[in-house]
Structures are given as C-alpha cells and as structure tokens.
N, C-alpha and C. Protein backbone atom coordinates (compact mmCIF):
# COMPACT_ATOMS: atom_id res chain seq x y z
N MET A 1 0.85 -1.18 0.00
CA MET A 1 0.00 0.00 0.00
C MET A 1 0.90 1.24 0.00
N THR A 2 0.59 2.19 -0.87
CA THR A 2 1.38 3.42 -0.92
C THR A 2 0.94 4.36 0.19
N ALA A 3 1.73 5.40 0.42
CA ALA A 3 1.39 6.38 1.44
C ALA A 3 0.06 7.05 1.12
N LEU A 4 -0.17 7.38 -0.13
CA LEU A 4 -1.42 8.02 -0.52
C LEU A 4 -2.61 7.08 -0.30
N GLU A 5 -2.46 5.81 -0.62
CA GLU A 5 -3.54 4.85 -0.39
C GLU A 5 -3.83 4.72 1.10
N THR A 6 -2.79 4.73 1.90
CA THR A 6 -2.95 4.64 3.35
C THR A 6 -3.71 5.85 3.88
N ILE A 7 -3.35 7.04 3.42
CA ILE A 7 -4.03 8.26 3.86
C ILE A 7 -5.50 8.22 3.45
N LYS A 8 -5.77 7.80 2.22
CA LYS A 8 -7.16 7.75 1.75
C LYS A 8 -7.98 6.71 2.51
N ALA A 9 -7.34 5.64 2.96
CA ALA A 9 -8.06 4.55 3.62
C ALA A 9 -8.22 4.77 5.12
N ARG A 10 -7.59 5.77 5.67
CA ARG A 10 -7.64 5.98 7.12
C ARG A 10 -9.04 6.34 7.58
N ARG A 11 -9.34 6.05 8.82
CA ARG A 11 -10.63 6.38 9.41
C ARG A 11 -10.45 6.72 10.87
N SER A 12 -11.39 7.46 11.39
CA SER A 12 -11.37 7.85 12.80
C SER A 12 -12.28 6.93 13.59
N ILE A 13 -11.81 6.49 14.72
CA ILE A 13 -12.60 5.61 15.59
C ILE A 13 -13.04 6.43 16.80
N ARG A 14 -14.32 6.41 17.08
CA ARG A 14 -14.83 7.18 18.20
C ARG A 14 -15.46 6.30 19.29
N ALA A 15 -15.50 5.02 19.03
CA ALA A 15 -16.01 4.07 20.02
C ALA A 15 -14.99 2.96 20.14
N PHE A 16 -14.62 2.63 21.35
CA PHE A 16 -13.56 1.67 21.58
C PHE A 16 -14.08 0.48 22.39
N LYS A 17 -13.49 -0.66 22.13
CA LYS A 17 -13.81 -1.85 22.91
C LYS A 17 -13.19 -1.73 24.29
N SER A 18 -13.76 -2.42 25.24
CA SER A 18 -13.21 -2.40 26.59
C SER A 18 -12.24 -3.56 26.83
N ASP A 19 -11.97 -4.35 25.79
CA ASP A 19 -11.04 -5.47 25.92
C ASP A 19 -9.65 -4.98 26.30
N PRO A 20 -8.99 -5.65 27.23
CA PRO A 20 -7.63 -5.25 27.57
C PRO A 20 -6.68 -5.49 26.39
N ILE A 21 -5.67 -4.67 26.30
CA ILE A 21 -4.67 -4.80 25.25
C ILE A 21 -3.46 -5.51 25.84
N GLU A 22 -2.97 -6.50 25.13
CA GLU A 22 -1.82 -7.26 25.62
C GLU A 22 -0.61 -6.35 25.77
N ARG A 23 0.16 -6.59 26.81
CA ARG A 23 1.35 -5.79 27.09
C ARG A 23 2.31 -5.75 25.89
N GLU A 24 2.44 -6.88 25.22
CA GLU A 24 3.34 -6.97 24.07
C GLU A 24 2.92 -6.00 22.96
N ILE A 25 1.62 -5.88 22.74
CA ILE A 25 1.10 -4.96 21.72
C ILE A 25 1.35 -3.52 22.13
N VAL A 26 1.12 -3.20 23.40
CA VAL A 26 1.37 -1.84 23.90
C VAL A 26 2.85 -1.49 23.70
N GLU A 27 3.73 -2.43 24.00
CA GLU A 27 5.16 -2.18 23.84
C GLU A 27 5.52 -1.95 22.37
N GLN A 28 4.90 -2.69 21.46
CA GLN A 28 5.15 -2.49 20.03
C GLN A 28 4.67 -1.11 19.58
N ILE A 29 3.52 -0.68 20.07
CA ILE A 29 2.99 0.64 19.72
C ILE A 29 3.92 1.73 20.23
N LEU A 30 4.40 1.60 21.47
CA LEU A 30 5.30 2.61 22.03
C LEU A 30 6.64 2.62 21.29
N GLU A 31 7.11 1.44 20.91
CA GLU A 31 8.36 1.36 20.15
C GLU A 31 8.22 2.11 18.82
N ALA A 32 7.07 1.95 18.15
CA ALA A 32 6.82 2.65 16.90
C ALA A 32 6.70 4.16 17.14
N ALA A 33 6.08 4.54 18.26
CA ALA A 33 5.87 5.96 18.56
C ALA A 33 7.19 6.71 18.73
N VAL A 34 8.17 6.09 19.36
CA VAL A 34 9.44 6.81 19.57
C VAL A 34 10.23 6.94 18.28
N LEU A 35 9.82 6.25 17.23
CA LEU A 35 10.48 6.39 15.94
C LEU A 35 9.93 7.57 15.14
N ALA A 36 8.85 8.19 15.62
CA ALA A 36 8.27 9.34 14.93
C ALA A 36 9.25 10.51 14.97
N PRO A 37 9.29 11.31 13.92
CA PRO A 37 10.21 12.45 13.90
C PRO A 37 9.81 13.50 14.94
N SER A 38 10.79 14.25 15.39
CA SER A 38 10.54 15.35 16.32
C SER A 38 11.35 16.57 15.87
N ALA A 39 10.89 17.73 16.25
CA ALA A 39 11.57 18.97 15.88
C ALA A 39 13.00 18.96 16.40
N LYS A 40 13.95 19.20 15.52
CA LYS A 40 15.37 19.26 15.86
C LYS A 40 15.83 18.00 16.60
N ASN A 41 15.18 16.88 16.33
CA ASN A 41 15.51 15.60 16.97
C ASN A 41 15.52 15.70 18.49
N SER A 42 14.59 16.50 19.02
CA SER A 42 14.55 16.71 20.48
C SER A 42 14.03 15.49 21.23
N GLN A 43 13.25 14.65 20.57
CA GLN A 43 12.71 13.43 21.15
C GLN A 43 12.11 13.64 22.55
N PRO A 44 11.06 14.45 22.63
CA PRO A 44 10.48 14.77 23.94
C PRO A 44 9.48 13.72 24.45
N TRP A 45 9.69 12.48 24.11
CA TRP A 45 8.71 11.44 24.42
C TRP A 45 8.59 11.18 25.92
N ARG A 46 7.36 11.11 26.38
CA ARG A 46 7.04 10.71 27.74
C ARG A 46 5.75 9.92 27.66
N PHE A 47 5.77 8.67 28.02
CA PHE A 47 4.58 7.83 27.95
C PHE A 47 4.28 7.27 29.33
N THR A 48 3.01 7.22 29.64
CA THR A 48 2.56 6.58 30.87
C THR A 48 1.44 5.63 30.49
N VAL A 49 1.60 4.36 30.79
CA VAL A 49 0.59 3.36 30.50
C VAL A 49 -0.06 2.99 31.82
N ILE A 50 -1.36 3.20 31.88
CA ILE A 50 -2.10 2.94 33.11
C ILE A 50 -3.09 1.81 32.86
N PRO A 51 -2.93 0.69 33.57
CA PRO A 51 -3.85 -0.43 33.38
C PRO A 51 -5.26 -0.05 33.85
N GLN A 52 -6.26 -0.65 33.24
CA GLN A 52 -7.66 -0.33 33.50
C GLN A 52 -8.02 -0.27 34.99
N PRO A 53 -7.61 -1.21 35.83
CA PRO A 53 -8.05 -1.14 37.23
C PRO A 53 -7.59 0.14 37.96
N ARG A 54 -6.51 0.78 37.48
CA ARG A 54 -5.98 1.97 38.16
C ARG A 54 -6.34 3.26 37.45
N ARG A 55 -7.08 3.16 36.36
CA ARG A 55 -7.37 4.34 35.54
C ARG A 55 -8.12 5.42 36.31
N GLY A 56 -9.17 5.04 37.03
CA GLY A 56 -9.95 6.02 37.79
C GLY A 56 -9.10 6.73 38.83
N GLU A 57 -8.24 5.98 39.49
CA GLU A 57 -7.34 6.55 40.50
C GLU A 57 -6.39 7.58 39.87
N MET A 58 -5.84 7.23 38.71
CA MET A 58 -4.92 8.14 38.04
C MET A 58 -5.63 9.39 37.55
N LEU A 59 -6.84 9.25 37.02
CA LEU A 59 -7.60 10.41 36.58
C LEU A 59 -7.87 11.37 37.74
N GLU A 60 -8.18 10.82 38.90
CA GLU A 60 -8.43 11.67 40.07
C GLU A 60 -7.17 12.44 40.47
N VAL A 61 -6.02 11.78 40.43
CA VAL A 61 -4.75 12.45 40.73
C VAL A 61 -4.51 13.59 39.74
N LEU A 62 -4.76 13.33 38.45
CA LEU A 62 -4.57 14.36 37.43
C LEU A 62 -5.53 15.53 37.65
N ARG A 63 -6.78 15.23 37.93
CA ARG A 63 -7.77 16.31 38.17
C ARG A 63 -7.37 17.19 39.34
N LYS A 64 -6.89 16.57 40.42
CA LYS A 64 -6.46 17.35 41.59
C LYS A 64 -5.25 18.22 41.25
N GLY A 65 -4.31 17.65 40.49
CA GLY A 65 -3.14 18.42 40.08
C GLY A 65 -3.51 19.61 39.22
N ILE A 66 -4.45 19.42 38.31
CA ILE A 66 -4.91 20.51 37.45
C ILE A 66 -5.60 21.58 38.29
N ALA A 67 -6.46 21.15 39.21
CA ALA A 67 -7.17 22.10 40.07
C ALA A 67 -6.18 22.91 40.91
N ASN A 68 -5.13 22.27 41.41
CA ASN A 68 -4.12 22.98 42.20
C ASN A 68 -3.40 24.03 41.36
N ARG A 69 -3.04 23.68 40.14
CA ARG A 69 -2.35 24.63 39.27
C ARG A 69 -3.26 25.80 38.90
N GLU A 70 -4.52 25.50 38.63
CA GLU A 70 -5.46 26.58 38.33
C GLU A 70 -5.62 27.49 39.53
N ALA A 71 -5.69 26.93 40.74
CA ALA A 71 -5.84 27.72 41.96
C ALA A 71 -4.63 28.64 42.17
N GLU A 72 -3.47 28.21 41.67
CA GLU A 72 -2.26 29.03 41.77
C GLU A 72 -2.18 30.06 40.65
N GLY A 73 -3.21 30.07 39.77
CA GLY A 73 -3.25 31.03 38.67
C GLY A 73 -2.48 30.63 37.43
N GLU A 74 -2.05 29.39 37.39
CA GLU A 74 -1.28 28.92 36.23
C GLU A 74 -2.23 28.60 35.08
N GLU A 75 -1.88 29.03 33.87
CA GLU A 75 -2.67 28.73 32.68
C GLU A 75 -2.31 27.30 32.25
N ILE A 76 -3.30 26.44 32.25
CA ILE A 76 -3.03 25.04 31.93
C ILE A 76 -3.55 24.62 30.56
N GLY A 77 -4.20 25.52 29.85
CA GLY A 77 -4.71 25.18 28.54
C GLY A 77 -6.10 24.57 28.62
N THR A 78 -6.48 23.90 27.57
CA THR A 78 -7.81 23.31 27.47
C THR A 78 -7.73 21.82 27.71
N ILE A 79 -8.58 21.34 28.58
CA ILE A 79 -8.61 19.91 28.87
C ILE A 79 -10.05 19.46 28.79
N LYS A 80 -10.27 18.36 28.04
CA LYS A 80 -11.60 17.78 27.94
C LYS A 80 -11.53 16.37 28.49
N SER A 81 -12.49 16.00 29.27
CA SER A 81 -12.57 14.63 29.77
C SER A 81 -13.73 13.95 29.09
N THR A 82 -13.49 12.74 28.59
CA THR A 82 -14.56 11.98 27.97
C THR A 82 -15.09 10.93 28.92
N ILE A 83 -14.68 11.02 30.17
CA ILE A 83 -15.09 10.01 31.16
C ILE A 83 -15.98 10.63 32.20
C-alpha cells in the first residue's frame, strides 16, 4: 500500500472496545511511537501506560493536580474529559 492509499483509507474511531490490550502490543505501539520524527531531533517522548483497574485513581490524581495549578493562577490550557 502506498502512502497516498494509506491516507485515503484511514478512518477515525470514536467508540472503543473495553477489551484489555496485551502488554506486548502496547510495547510495540510505544516502540513505533518513539520512531516518529521530532523537531530538531529533540525526542520529547514521555509515555505513561495505566492499566484499567488503576485508571480512575490516576484520573483523580490528574484532576487534583490541574485544580491545584489553576488555583495558583497557572494557565493550563484546554482539557476535555470523555469520562
């Protein structure tokens, strides 16, 4: 498949399965991600993989951190939660 064919065939997914993803697949995806180009080869990659059972806990930690920064007057940008 050529690059143009790939671009034309791409689609957006807005509904996801709740099936867990095997660790090996996640590692392959992350390995591919770090191969993506970056400005001036800065490679600013930071990934955090949170397993489903801890997701709610991590979201709460993030929400509290955002609230604290906002309370300090820091501009944090736009954040949307789909959960």
